[in-house]
Amino acid sequence: MSAARAKGTAWETAIVNYLIGEGFVMAERRALAGSLDKGDITGIPGVVIEAKNCKTINLAQFVDEANVEATNANADVGVAWVKRRGKTSPAEAYVVMSGTTFMELLTEWINK
């Protein structure tokens, strides 16, 4: 396994463990799917998570990728969970999404 792949796998695993610890016990890493990728982490209904542990942070690219993968997975929400430099916990990372996705979440939350 390449160093980059090992770094990505470790970050995905950290996110899954964090989600499970927070009560999302069905969270799991998803197998690679090539051009029809459905995101890195599944197990939260309607949500696709794209995990990113990169030296250079490119939010536009990460959000676009998460949205494509959400479409591929027929999910409502796609987010990118981006490792923050100098931090190891997913709790201290960035979770980024489009403004449209954020408004959908706000509307859903307010209407509960």
PDB file of N, CA and C in Angstrom:
ATOM      1  N   MET A   1       0.857  -1.182   0.000  1.00  0.00           N
ATOM      2  CA  MET A   1       0.000   0.000   0.000  1.00  0.00           C
ATOM      3  C   MET A   1       0.895   1.234   0.000  1.00  0.00           C
ATOM      4  N   SER A   2       0.562   2.210  -0.847  1.00  0.00           N
ATOM      5  CA  SER A   2       1.346   3.437  -0.923  1.00  0.00           C
ATOM      6  C   SER A   2       1.160   4.253   0.355  1.00  0.00           C
ATOM      7  N   ALA A   3       2.091   5.158   0.589  1.00  0.00           N
ATOM      8  CA  ALA A   3       2.014   6.016   1.776  1.00  0.00           C
ATOM      9  C   ALA A   3       0.757   6.881   1.726  1.00  0.00           C
ATOM     10  N   ALA A   4       0.416   7.397   0.535  1.00  0.00           N
ATOM     11  CA  ALA A   4      -0.779   8.238   0.401  1.00  0.00           C
ATOM     12  C   ALA A   4      -2.045   7.445   0.693  1.00  0.00           C
ATOM     13  N   ARG A   5      -2.103   6.230   0.180  1.00  0.00           N
ATOM     14  CA  ARG A   5      -3.282   5.393   0.418  1.00  0.00           C
ATOM     15  C   ARG A   5      -3.390   5.043   1.904  1.00  0.00           C
ATOM     16  N   ALA A   6      -2.267   4.722   2.537  1.00  0.00           N
ATOM     17  CA  ALA A   6      -2.270   4.399   3.969  1.00  0.00           C
ATOM     18  C   ALA A   6      -2.742   5.594   4.789  1.00  0.00           C
ATOM     19  N   LYS A   7      -2.305   6.786   4.398  1.00  0.00           N
ATOM     20  CA  LYS A   7      -2.718   8.004   5.094  1.00  0.00           C
ATOM     21  C   LYS A   7      -4.231   8.206   4.945  1.00  0.00           C
ATOM     22  N   GLY A   8      -4.751   7.990   3.736  1.00  0.00           N
ATOM     23  CA  GLY A   8      -6.187   8.131   3.503  1.00  0.00           C
ATOM     24  C   GLY A   8      -6.998   7.099   4.257  1.00  0.00           C
ATOM     25  N   THR A   9      -6.518   5.861   4.248  1.00  0.00           N
ATOM     26  CA  THR A   9      -7.209   4.784   4.965  1.00  0.00           C
ATOM     27  C   THR A   9      -7.251   5.079   6.464  1.00  0.00           C
ATOM     28  N   ALA A  10      -6.149   5.545   7.000  1.00  0.00           N
ATOM     29  CA  ALA A  10      -6.098   5.871   8.435  1.00  0.00           C
ATOM     30  C   ALA A  10      -7.082   6.984   8.779  1.00  0.00           C
ATOM     31  N   TRP A  11      -7.209   7.996   7.905  1.00  0.00           N
ATOM     32  CA  TRP A  11      -8.134   9.094   8.156  1.00  0.00           C
ATOM     33  C   TRP A  11      -9.589   8.614   8.065  1.00  0.00           C
ATOM     34  N   GLU A  12      -9.895   7.799   7.069  1.00  0.00           N
ATOM     35  CA  GLU A  12     -11.242   7.237   6.950  1.00  0.00           C
ATOM     36  C   GLU A  12     -11.595   6.430   8.199  1.00  0.00           C
ATOM     37  N   THR A  13     -10.672   5.618   8.650  1.00  0.00           N
ATOM     38  CA  THR A  13     -10.893   4.796   9.842  1.00  0.00           C
ATOM     39  C   THR A  13     -11.109   5.663  11.064  1.00  0.00           C
ATOM     40  N   ALA A  14     -10.344   6.741  11.186  1.00  0.00           N
ATOM     41  CA  ALA A  14     -10.509   7.655  12.328  1.00  0.00           C
ATOM     42  C   ALA A  14     -11.897   8.283  12.320  1.00  0.00           C
ATOM     43  N   ILE A  15     -12.374   8.677  11.143  1.00  0.00           N
ATOM     44  CA  ILE A  15     -13.714   9.267  11.039  1.00  0.00           C
ATOM     45  C   ILE A  15     -14.777   8.242  11.420  1.00  0.00           C
ATOM     46  N   VAL A  16     -14.664   7.036  10.891  1.00  0.00           N
ATOM     47  CA  VAL A  16     -15.634   5.985  11.208  1.00  0.00           C
ATOM     48  C   VAL A  16     -15.649   5.720  12.715  1.00  0.00           C
ATOM     49  N   ASN A  17     -14.492   5.593  13.318  1.00  0.00           N
ATOM     50  CA  ASN A  17     -14.426   5.352  14.766  1.00  0.00           C
ATOM     51  C   ASN A  17     -15.046   6.502  15.555  1.00  0.00           C
ATOM     52  N   TYR A  18     -14.825   7.722  15.100  1.00  0.00           N
ATOM     53  CA  TYR A  18     -15.414   8.893  15.749  1.00  0.00           C
ATOM     54  C   TYR A  18     -16.940   8.848  15.630  1.00  0.00           C
ATOM     55  N   LEU A  19     -17.440   8.581  14.427  1.00  0.00           N
ATOM     56  CA  LEU A  19     -18.891   8.498  14.226  1.00  0.00           C
ATOM     57  C   LEU A  19     -19.512   7.415  15.099  1.00  0.00           C
ATOM     58  N   ILE A  20     -18.886   6.255  15.142  1.00  0.00           N
ATOM     59  CA  ILE A  20     -19.401   5.162  15.975  1.00  0.00           C
ATOM     60  C   ILE A  20     -19.422   5.576  17.438  1.00  0.00           C
ATOM     61  N   GLY A  21     -18.370   6.233  17.878  1.00  0.00           N
ATOM     62  CA  GLY A  21     -18.300   6.712  19.259  1.00  0.00           C
ATOM     63  C   GLY A  21     -19.368   7.743  19.589  1.00  0.00           C
ATOM     64  N   GLU A  22     -19.845   8.445  18.565  1.00  0.00           N
ATOM     65  CA  GLU A  22     -20.900   9.451  18.747  1.00  0.00           C
ATOM     66  C   GLU A  22     -22.299   8.874  18.544  1.00  0.00           C
ATOM     67  N   GLY A  23     -22.388   7.551  18.359  1.00  0.00           N
ATOM     68  CA  GLY A  23     -23.691   6.908  18.265  1.00  0.00           C
ATOM     69  C   GLY A  23     -24.123   6.494  16.871  1.00  0.00           C
ATOM     70  N   PHE A  24     -23.327   6.780  15.861  1.00  0.00           N
ATOM     71  CA  PHE A  24     -23.662   6.379  14.489  1.00  0.00           C
ATOM     72  C   PHE A  24     -23.017   5.018  14.224  1.00  0.00           C
ATOM     73  N   VAL A  25     -23.590   3.999  14.860  1.00  0.00           N
ATOM     74  CA  VAL A  25     -22.966   2.677  14.914  1.00  0.00           C
ATOM     75  C   VAL A  25     -22.935   1.942  13.579  1.00  0.00           C
ATOM     76  N   MET A  26     -23.661   2.412  12.587  1.00  0.00           N
ATOM     77  CA  MET A  26     -23.675   1.764  11.279  1.00  0.00           C
ATOM     78  C   MET A  26     -22.615   2.347  10.334  1.00  0.00           C
ATOM     79  N   ALA A  27     -21.894   3.366  10.782  1.00  0.00           N
ATOM     80  CA  ALA A  27     -20.869   3.987   9.931  1.00  0.00           C
ATOM     81  C   ALA A  27     -19.800   2.965   9.580  1.00  0.00           C
ATOM     82  N   GLU A  28     -19.376   3.005   8.301  1.00  0.00           N
ATOM     83  CA  GLU A  28     -18.323   2.106   7.854  1.00  0.00           C
ATOM     84  C   GLU A  28     -17.654   2.655   6.602  1.00  0.00           C
ATOM     85  N   ARG A  29     -16.439   2.213   6.384  1.00  0.00           N
ATOM     86  CA  ARG A  29     -15.726   2.565   5.163  1.00  0.00           C
ATOM     87  C   ARG A  29     -16.375   1.829   3.998  1.00  0.00           C
ATOM     88  N   ARG A  30     -16.451   2.492   2.883  1.00  0.00           N
ATOM     89  CA  ARG A  30     -17.050   1.906   1.686  1.00  0.00           C
ATOM     90  C   ARG A  30     -15.931   1.433   0.760  1.00  0.00           C
ATOM     91  N   ALA A  31     -16.155   0.335   0.074  1.00  0.00           N
ATOM     92  CA  ALA A  31     -15.188  -0.182  -0.898  1.00  0.00           C
ATOM     93  C   ALA A  31     -15.075   0.779  -2.074  1.00  0.00           C
ATOM     94  N   LEU A  32     -13.905   0.832  -2.683  1.00  0.00           N
ATOM     95  CA  LEU A  32     -13.692   1.671  -3.858  1.00  0.00           C
ATOM     96  C   LEU A  32     -14.604   1.221  -4.994  1.00  0.00           C
ATOM     97  N   ALA A  33     -15.098   2.205  -5.776  1.00  0.00           N
ATOM     98  CA  ALA A  33     -16.027   1.877  -6.855  1.00  0.00           C
ATOM     99  C   ALA A  33     -15.635   2.524  -8.183  1.00  0.00           C
ATOM    100  N   GLY A  34     -14.418   2.983  -8.322  1.00  0.00           N
ATOM    101  CA  GLY A  34     -13.955   3.543  -9.587  1.00  0.00           C
ATOM    102  C   GLY A  34     -14.668   4.819  -9.976  1.00  0.00           C
ATOM    103  N   SER A  35     -15.053   4.925 -11.263  1.00  0.00           N
ATOM    104  CA  SER A  35     -15.638   6.162 -11.776  1.00  0.00           C
ATOM    105  C   SER A  35     -17.017   6.455 -11.205  1.00  0.00           C
ATOM    106  N   LEU A  36     -17.692   5.468 -10.656  1.00  0.00           N
ATOM    107  CA  LEU A  36     -18.998   5.682 -10.035  1.00  0.00           C
ATOM    108  C   LEU A  36     -18.891   5.617  -8.518  1.00  0.00           C
ATOM    109  N   ASP A  37     -17.825   6.218  -8.012  1.00  0.00           N
ATOM    110  CA  ASP A  37     -17.546   6.229  -6.579  1.00  0.00           C
ATOM    111  C   ASP A  37     -18.741   6.777  -5.816  1.00  0.00           C
ATOM    112  N   LYS A  38     -19.041   6.166  -4.684  1.00  0.00           N
ATOM    113  CA  LYS A  38     -20.174   6.566  -3.850  1.00  0.00           C
ATOM    114  C   LYS A  38     -19.720   7.115  -2.505  1.00  0.00           C
ATOM    115  N   GLY A  39     -18.493   7.623  -2.454  1.00  0.00           N
ATOM    116  CA  GLY A  39     -17.976   8.217  -1.224  1.00  0.00           C
ATOM    117  C   GLY A  39     -17.154   7.229  -0.434  1.00  0.00           C
ATOM    118  N   ASP A  40     -16.500   7.738   0.594  1.00  0.00           N
ATOM    119  CA  ASP A  40     -15.600   6.928   1.408  1.00  0.00           C
ATOM    120  C   ASP A  40     -16.284   6.282   2.597  1.00  0.00           C
ATOM    121  N   ILE A  41     -17.301   6.957   3.132  1.00  0.00           N
ATOM    122  CA  ILE A  41     -17.933   6.480   4.368  1.00  0.00           C
ATOM    123  C   ILE A  41     -19.442   6.449   4.169  1.00  0.00           C
ATOM    124  N   THR A  42     -20.044   5.366   4.596  1.00  0.00           N
ATOM    125  CA  THR A  42     -21.484   5.161   4.476  1.00  0.00           C
ATOM    126  C   THR A  42     -22.035   4.737   5.840  1.00  0.00           C
ATOM    127  N   GLY A  43     -23.316   4.483   5.877  1.00  0.00           N
ATOM    128  CA  GLY A  43     -23.936   4.004   7.115  1.00  0.00           C
ATOM    129  C   GLY A  43     -24.786   5.044   7.813  1.00  0.00           C
ATOM    130  N   ILE A  44     -24.826   6.259   7.270  1.00  0.00           N
ATOM    131  CA  ILE A  44     -25.720   7.295   7.779  1.00  0.00           C
ATOM    132  C   ILE A  44     -26.724   7.542   6.652  1.00  0.00           C
ATOM    133  N   PRO A  45     -27.964   7.165   6.835  1.00  0.00           N
ATOM    134  CA  PRO A  45     -28.937   7.254   5.742  1.00  0.00           C
ATOM    135  C   PRO A  45     -28.979   8.637   5.106  1.00  0.00           C
ATOM    136  N   GLY A  46     -28.868   8.648   3.770  1.00  0.00           N
ATOM    137  CA  GLY A  46     -28.961   9.890   3.017  1.00  0.00           C
ATOM    138  C   GLY A  46     -27.700  10.724   2.975  1.00  0.00           C
ATOM    139  N   VAL A  47     -26.613  10.248   3.592  1.00  0.00           N
ATOM    140  CA  VAL A  47     -25.386  11.040   3.683  1.00  0.00           C
ATOM    141  C   VAL A  47     -24.211  10.275   3.093  1.00  0.00           C
ATOM    142  N   VAL A  48     -23.428  10.972   2.276  1.00  0.00           N
ATOM    143  CA  VAL A  48     -22.173  10.454   1.754  1.00  0.00           C
ATOM    144  C   VAL A  48     -21.051  11.328   2.308  1.00  0.00           C
ATOM    145  N   ILE A  49     -20.016  10.677   2.818  1.00  0.00           N
ATOM    146  CA  ILE A  49     -18.861  11.399   3.345  1.00  0.00           C
ATOM    147  C   ILE A  49     -17.651  11.071   2.494  1.00  0.00           C
ATOM    148  N   GLU A  50     -17.012  12.117   2.008  1.00  0.00           N
ATOM    149  CA  GLU A  50     -15.751  12.004   1.290  1.00  0.00           C
ATOM    150  C   GLU A  50     -14.661  12.453   2.260  1.00  0.00           C
ATOM    151  N   ALA A  51     -13.787  11.536   2.636  1.00  0.00           N
ATOM    152  CA  ALA A  51     -12.717  11.834   3.595  1.00  0.00           C
ATOM    153  C   ALA A  51     -11.489  12.350   2.843  1.00  0.00           C
ATOM    154  N   LYS A  52     -10.909  13.433   3.333  1.00  0.00           N
ATOM    155  CA  LYS A  52      -9.738  14.021   2.683  1.00  0.00           C
ATOM    156  C   LYS A  52      -8.642  14.291   3.703  1.00  0.00           C
ATOM    157  N   ASN A  53      -7.465  13.748   3.424  1.00  0.00           N
ATOM    158  CA  ASN A  53      -6.271  14.004   4.232  1.00  0.00           C
ATOM    159  C   ASN A  53      -5.167  14.371   3.254  1.00  0.00           C
ATOM    160  N   CYS A  54      -5.146  15.635   2.853  1.00  0.00           N
ATOM    161  CA  CYS A  54      -4.240  16.113   1.811  1.00  0.00           C
ATOM    162  C   CYS A  54      -3.397  17.270   2.345  1.00  0.00           C
ATOM    163  N   LYS A  55      -2.203  17.369   1.809  1.00  0.00           N
ATOM    164  CA  LYS A  55      -1.323  18.474   2.185  1.00  0.00           C
ATOM    165  C   LYS A  55      -1.927  19.806   1.753  1.00  0.00           C
ATOM    166  N   THR A  56      -2.473  19.824   0.530  1.00  0.00           N
ATOM    167  CA  THR A  56      -3.096  21.025  -0.002  1.00  0.00           C
ATOM    168  C   THR A  56      -4.608  20.874   0.052  1.00  0.00           C
ATOM    169  N   ILE A  57      -5.267  21.834   0.679  1.00  0.00           N
ATOM    170  CA  ILE A  57      -6.723  21.797   0.812  1.00  0.00           C
ATOM    171  C   ILE A  57      -7.348  22.567  -0.342  1.00  0.00           C
ATOM    172  N   ASN A  58      -8.224  21.884  -1.098  1.00  0.00           N
ATOM    173  CA  ASN A  58      -8.930  22.474  -2.224  1.00  0.00           C
ATOM    174  C   ASN A  58     -10.426  22.260  -1.987  1.00  0.00           C
ATOM    175  N   LEU A  59     -11.036  23.189  -1.277  1.00  0.00           N
ATOM    176  CA  LEU A  59     -12.427  23.019  -0.860  1.00  0.00           C
ATOM    177  C   LEU A  59     -13.381  22.849  -2.031  1.00  0.00           C
ATOM    178  N   ALA A  60     -13.209  23.634  -3.088  1.00  0.00           N
ATOM    179  CA  ALA A  60     -14.112  23.533  -4.232  1.00  0.00           C
ATOM    180  C   ALA A  60     -14.069  22.127  -4.829  1.00  0.00           C
ATOM    181  N   GLN A  61     -12.882  21.599  -5.019  1.00  0.00           N
ATOM    182  CA  GLN A  61     -12.730  20.252  -5.572  1.00  0.00           C
ATOM    183  C   GLN A  61     -13.341  19.211  -4.648  1.00  0.00           C
ATOM    184  N   PHE A  62     -13.099  19.339  -3.347  1.00  0.00           N
ATOM    185  CA  PHE A  62     -13.598  18.362  -2.380  1.00  0.00           C
ATOM    186  C   PHE A  62     -15.125  18.362  -2.342  1.00  0.00           C
ATOM    187  N   VAL A  63     -15.743  19.550  -2.335  1.00  0.00           N
ATOM    188  CA  VAL A  63     -17.208  19.644  -2.288  1.00  0.00           C
ATOM    189  C   VAL A  63     -17.814  19.124  -3.584  1.00  0.00           C
ATOM    190  N   ASP A  64     -17.207  19.486  -4.713  1.00  0.00           N
ATOM    191  CA  ASP A  64     -17.709  18.971  -5.994  1.00  0.00           C
ATOM    192  C   ASP A  64     -17.668  17.444  -6.014  1.00  0.00           C
ATOM    193  N   GLU A  65     -16.569  16.871  -5.535  1.00  0.00           N
ATOM    194  CA  GLU A  65     -16.432  15.410  -5.502  1.00  0.00           C
ATOM    195  C   GLU A  65     -17.489  14.783  -4.589  1.00  0.00           C
ATOM    196  N   ALA A  66     -17.701  15.374  -3.424  1.00  0.00           N
ATOM    197  CA  ALA A  66     -18.706  14.851  -2.490  1.00  0.00           C
ATOM    198  C   ALA A  66     -20.099  14.902  -3.111  1.00  0.00           C
ATOM    199  N   ASN A  67     -20.404  15.965  -3.847  1.00  0.00           N
ATOM    200  CA  ASN A  67     -21.720  16.088  -4.477  1.00  0.00           C
ATOM    201  C   ASN A  67     -21.912  15.062  -5.586  1.00  0.00           C
ATOM    202  N   VAL A  68     -20.887  14.828  -6.397  1.00  0.00           N
ATOM    203  CA  VAL A  68     -20.975  13.800  -7.436  1.00  0.00           C
ATOM    204  C   VAL A  68     -21.190  12.435  -6.798  1.00  0.00           C
ATOM    205  N   GLU A  69     -20.453  12.155  -5.742  1.00  0.00           N
ATOM    206  CA  GLU A  69     -20.571  10.861  -5.076  1.00  0.00           C
ATOM    207  C   GLU A  69     -21.925  10.693  -4.402  1.00  0.00           C
ATOM    208  N   ALA A  70     -22.482  11.778  -3.884  1.00  0.00           N
ATOM    209  CA  ALA A  70     -23.827  11.708  -3.309  1.00  0.00           C
ATOM    210  C   ALA A  70     -24.839  11.358  -4.400  1.00  0.00           C
ATOM    211  N   THR A  71     -24.689  11.947  -5.564  1.00  0.00           N
ATOM    212  CA  THR A  71     -25.565  11.616  -6.693  1.00  0.00           C
ATOM    213  C   THR A  71     -25.400  10.147  -7.068  1.00  0.00           C
ATOM    214  N   ASN A  72     -24.151   9.680  -7.163  1.00  0.00           N
ATOM    215  CA  ASN A  72     -23.896   8.272  -7.500  1.00  0.00           C
ATOM    216  C   ASN A  72     -24.539   7.329  -6.487  1.00  0.00           C
ATOM    217  N   ALA A  73     -24.564   7.735  -5.221  1.00  0.00           N
ATOM    218  CA  ALA A  73     -25.105   6.891  -4.149  1.00  0.00           C
ATOM    219  C   ALA A  73     -26.595   7.127  -3.917  1.00  0.00           C
ATOM    220  N   ASN A  74     -27.191   8.033  -4.688  1.00  0.00           N
ATOM    221  CA  ASN A  74     -28.584   8.400  -4.503  1.00  0.00           C
ATOM    222  C   ASN A  74     -28.837   8.908  -3.083  1.00  0.00           C
ATOM    223  N   ALA A  75     -27.884   9.701  -2.589  1.00  0.00           N
ATOM    224  CA  ALA A  75     -27.974  10.264  -1.236  1.00  0.00           C
ATOM    225  C   ALA A  75     -28.408  11.723  -1.311  1.00  0.00           C
ATOM    226  N   ASP A  76     -28.974  12.208  -0.232  1.00  0.00           N
ATOM    227  CA  ASP A  76     -29.441  13.594  -0.176  1.00  0.00           C
ATOM    228  C   ASP A  76     -28.317  14.587   0.059  1.00  0.00           C
ATOM    229  N   VAL A  77     -27.309  14.168   0.824  1.00  0.00           N
ATOM    230  CA  VAL A  77     -26.260  15.078   1.276  1.00  0.00           C
ATOM    231  C   VAL A  77     -24.891  14.483   0.998  1.00  0.00           C
ATOM    232  N   GLY A  78     -24.015  15.322   0.450  1.00  0.00           N
ATOM    233  CA  GLY A  78     -22.616  14.957   0.293  1.00  0.00           C
ATOM    234  C   GLY A  78     -21.747  15.977   0.996  1.00  0.00           C
ATOM    235  N   VAL A  79     -20.852  15.505   1.845  1.00  0.00           N
ATOM    236  CA  VAL A  79     -19.930  16.403   2.549  1.00  0.00           C
ATOM    237  C   VAL A  79     -18.511  15.868   2.429  1.00  0.00           C
ATOM    238  N   ALA A  80     -17.566  16.786   2.527  1.00  0.00           N
ATOM    239  CA  ALA A  80     -16.159  16.412   2.584  1.00  0.00           C
ATOM    240  C   ALA A  80     -15.681  16.645   4.016  1.00  0.00           C
ATOM    241  N   TRP A  81     -15.047  15.620   4.597  1.00  0.00           N
ATOM    242  CA  TRP A  81     -14.519  15.712   5.964  1.00  0.00           C
ATOM    243  C   TRP A  81     -13.012  15.822   5.812  1.00  0.00           C
ATOM    244  N   VAL A  82     -12.499  17.023   6.041  1.00  0.00           N
ATOM    245  CA  VAL A  82     -11.123  17.377   5.686  1.00  0.00           C
ATOM    246  C   VAL A  82     -10.257  17.466   6.931  1.00  0.00           C
ATOM    247  N   LYS A  83      -9.175  16.695   6.931  1.00  0.00           N
ATOM    248  CA  LYS A  83      -8.252  16.701   8.065  1.00  0.00           C
ATOM    249  C   LYS A  83      -7.605  18.073   8.184  1.00  0.00           C
ATOM    250  N   ARG A  84      -7.582  18.546   9.394  1.00  0.00           N
ATOM    251  CA  ARG A  84      -6.968  19.840   9.704  1.00  0.00           C
ATOM    252  C   ARG A  84      -5.501  19.627  10.051  1.00  0.00           C
ATOM    253  N   ARG A  85      -4.631  20.376   9.436  1.00  0.00           N
ATOM    254  CA  ARG A  85      -3.193  20.256   9.689  1.00  0.00           C
ATOM    255  C   ARG A  85      -2.889  20.430  11.171  1.00  0.00           C
ATOM    256  N   GLY A  86      -2.079  19.560  11.699  1.00  0.00           N
ATOM    257  CA  GLY A  86      -1.651  19.646  13.090  1.00  0.00           C
ATOM    258  C   GLY A  86      -2.647  19.073  14.088  1.00  0.00           C
ATOM    259  N   LYS A  87      -3.760  18.564  13.613  1.00  0.00           N
ATOM    260  CA  LYS A  87      -4.777  17.968  14.478  1.00  0.00           C
ATOM    261  C   LYS A  87      -4.968  16.520  14.066  1.00  0.00           C
ATOM    262  N   THR A  88      -5.277  15.666  15.025  1.00  0.00           N
ATOM    263  CA  THR A  88      -5.456  14.251  14.700  1.00  0.00           C
ATOM    264  C   THR A  88      -6.905  13.791  14.812  1.00  0.00           C
ATOM    265  N   SER A  89      -7.717  14.503  15.558  1.00  0.00           N
ATOM    266  CA  SER A  89      -9.095  14.069  15.795  1.00  0.00           C
ATOM    267  C   SER A  89     -10.044  14.571  14.713  1.00  0.00           C
ATOM    268  N   PRO A  90     -10.927  13.706  14.227  1.00  0.00           N
ATOM    269  CA  PRO A  90     -11.967  14.171  13.306  1.00  0.00           C
ATOM    270  C   PRO A  90     -12.848  15.263  13.918  1.00  0.00           C
ATOM    271  N   ALA A  91     -12.945  15.302  15.232  1.00  0.00           N
ATOM    272  CA  ALA A  91     -13.732  16.336  15.899  1.00  0.00           C
ATOM    273  C   ALA A  91     -13.164  17.730  15.654  1.00  0.00           C
ATOM    274  N   GLU A  92     -11.884  17.810  15.325  1.00  0.00           N
ATOM    275  CA  GLU A  92     -11.232  19.097  15.089  1.00  0.00           C
ATOM    276  C   GLU A  92     -11.003  19.369  13.602  1.00  0.00           C
ATOM    277  N   ALA A  93     -11.562  18.521  12.753  1.00  0.00           N
ATOM    278  CA  ALA A  93     -11.407  18.675  11.305  1.00  0.00           C
ATOM    279  C   ALA A  93     -12.469  19.620  10.767  1.00  0.00           C
ATOM    280  N   TYR A  94     -12.431  19.828   9.465  1.00  0.00           N
ATOM    281  CA  TYR A  94     -13.433  20.634   8.785  1.00  0.00           C
ATOM    282  C   TYR A  94     -14.411  19.709   8.065  1.00  0.00           C
ATOM    283  N   VAL A  95     -15.697  19.998   8.180  1.00  0.00           N
ATOM    284  CA  VAL A  95     -16.703  19.303   7.381  1.00  0.00           C
ATOM    285  C   VAL A  95     -17.303  20.376   6.487  1.00  0.00           C
ATOM    286  N   VAL A  96     -17.105  20.218   5.168  1.00  0.00           N
ATOM    287  CA  VAL A  96     -17.508  21.264   4.229  1.00  0.00           C
ATOM    288  C   VAL A  96     -18.561  20.738   3.264  1.00  0.00           C
ATOM    289  N   MET A  97     -19.413  21.659   2.836  1.00  0.00           N
ATOM    290  CA  MET A  97     -20.506  21.329   1.926  1.00  0.00           C
ATOM    291  C   MET A  97     -20.870  22.585   1.157  1.00  0.00           C
ATOM    292  N   SER A  98     -21.698  22.427   0.152  1.00  0.00           N
ATOM    293  CA  SER A  98     -22.173  23.581  -0.607  1.00  0.00           C
ATOM    294  C   SER A  98     -23.205  24.354   0.223  1.00  0.00           C
ATOM    295  N   GLY A  99     -23.440  25.585  -0.181  1.00  0.00           N
ATOM    296  CA  GLY A  99     -24.474  26.387   0.462  1.00  0.00           C
ATOM    297  C   GLY A  99     -25.844  25.767   0.298  1.00  0.00           C
ATOM    298  N   THR A 100     -26.083  25.162  -0.859  1.00  0.00           N
ATOM    299  CA  THR A 100     -27.359  24.485  -1.107  1.00  0.00           C
ATOM    300  C   THR A 100     -27.566  23.349  -0.119  1.00  0.00           C
ATOM    301  N   THR A 101     -26.521  22.553   0.074  1.00  0.00           N
ATOM    302  CA  THR A 101     -26.612  21.439   1.024  1.00  0.00           C
ATOM    303  C   THR A 101     -26.861  21.965   2.435  1.00  0.00           C
ATOM    304  N   PHE A 102     -26.168  23.027   2.808  1.00  0.00           N
ATOM    305  CA  PHE A 102     -26.340  23.599   4.142  1.00  0.00           C
ATOM    306  C   PHE A 102     -27.777  24.079   4.337  1.00  0.00           C
ATOM    307  N   MET A 103     -28.345  24.732   3.338  1.00  0.00           N
ATOM    308  CA  MET A 103     -29.722  25.201   3.449  1.00  0.00           C
ATOM    309  C   MET A 103     -30.689  24.033   3.566  1.00  0.00           C
ATOM    310  N   GLU A 104     -30.439  22.944   2.840  1.00  0.00           N
ATOM    311  CA  GLU A 104     -31.289  21.753   2.959  1.00  0.00           C
ATOM    312  C   GLU A 104     -31.250  21.210   4.381  1.00  0.00           C
ATOM    313  N   LEU A 105     -30.060  21.157   4.959  1.00  0.00           N
ATOM    314  CA  LEU A 105     -29.927  20.665   6.340  1.00  0.00           C
ATOM    315  C   LEU A 105     -30.620  21.599   7.324  1.00  0.00           C
ATOM    316  N   LEU A 106     -30.435  22.899   7.152  1.00  0.00           N
ATOM    317  CA  LEU A 106     -31.084  23.874   8.040  1.00  0.00           C
ATOM    318  C   LEU A 106     -32.601  23.762   7.944  1.00  0.00           C
ATOM    319  N   THR A 107     -33.115  23.690   6.739  1.00  0.00           N
ATOM    320  CA  THR A 107     -34.556  23.591   6.543  1.00  0.00           C
ATOM    321  C   THR A 107     -35.105  22.333   7.184  1.00  0.00           C
ATOM    322  N   GLU A 108     -34.416  21.212   6.978  1.00  0.00           N
ATOM    323  CA  GLU A 108     -34.840  19.941   7.583  1.00  0.00           C
ATOM    324  C   GLU A 108     -34.826  20.052   9.104  1.00  0.00           C
ATOM    325  N   TRP A 109     -33.782  20.627   9.656  1.00  0.00           N
ATOM    326  CA  TRP A 109     -33.633  20.744  11.110  1.00  0.00           C
ATOM    327  C   TRP A 109     -34.694  21.662  11.706  1.00  0.00           C
ATOM    328  N   ILE A 110     -34.941  22.790  11.067  1.00  0.00           N
ATOM    329  CA  ILE A 110     -35.918  23.756  11.578  1.00  0.00           C
ATOM    330  C   ILE A 110     -37.335  23.194  11.490  1.00  0.00           C
ATOM    331  N   ASN A 111     -37.617  22.409  10.474  1.00  0.00           N
ATOM    332  CA  ASN A 111     -38.962  21.858  10.266  1.00  0.00           C
ATOM    333  C   ASN A 111     -39.247  20.614  11.090  1.00  0.00           C
ATOM    334  N   LYS A 112     -38.343  20.198  11.958  1.00  0.00           N
ATOM    335  CA  LYS A 112     -38.588  19.010  12.789  1.00  0.00           C
ATOM    336  C   LYS A 112     -39.496  19.342  13.926  1.00  0.00           C
TER     337      LYS A 112
END
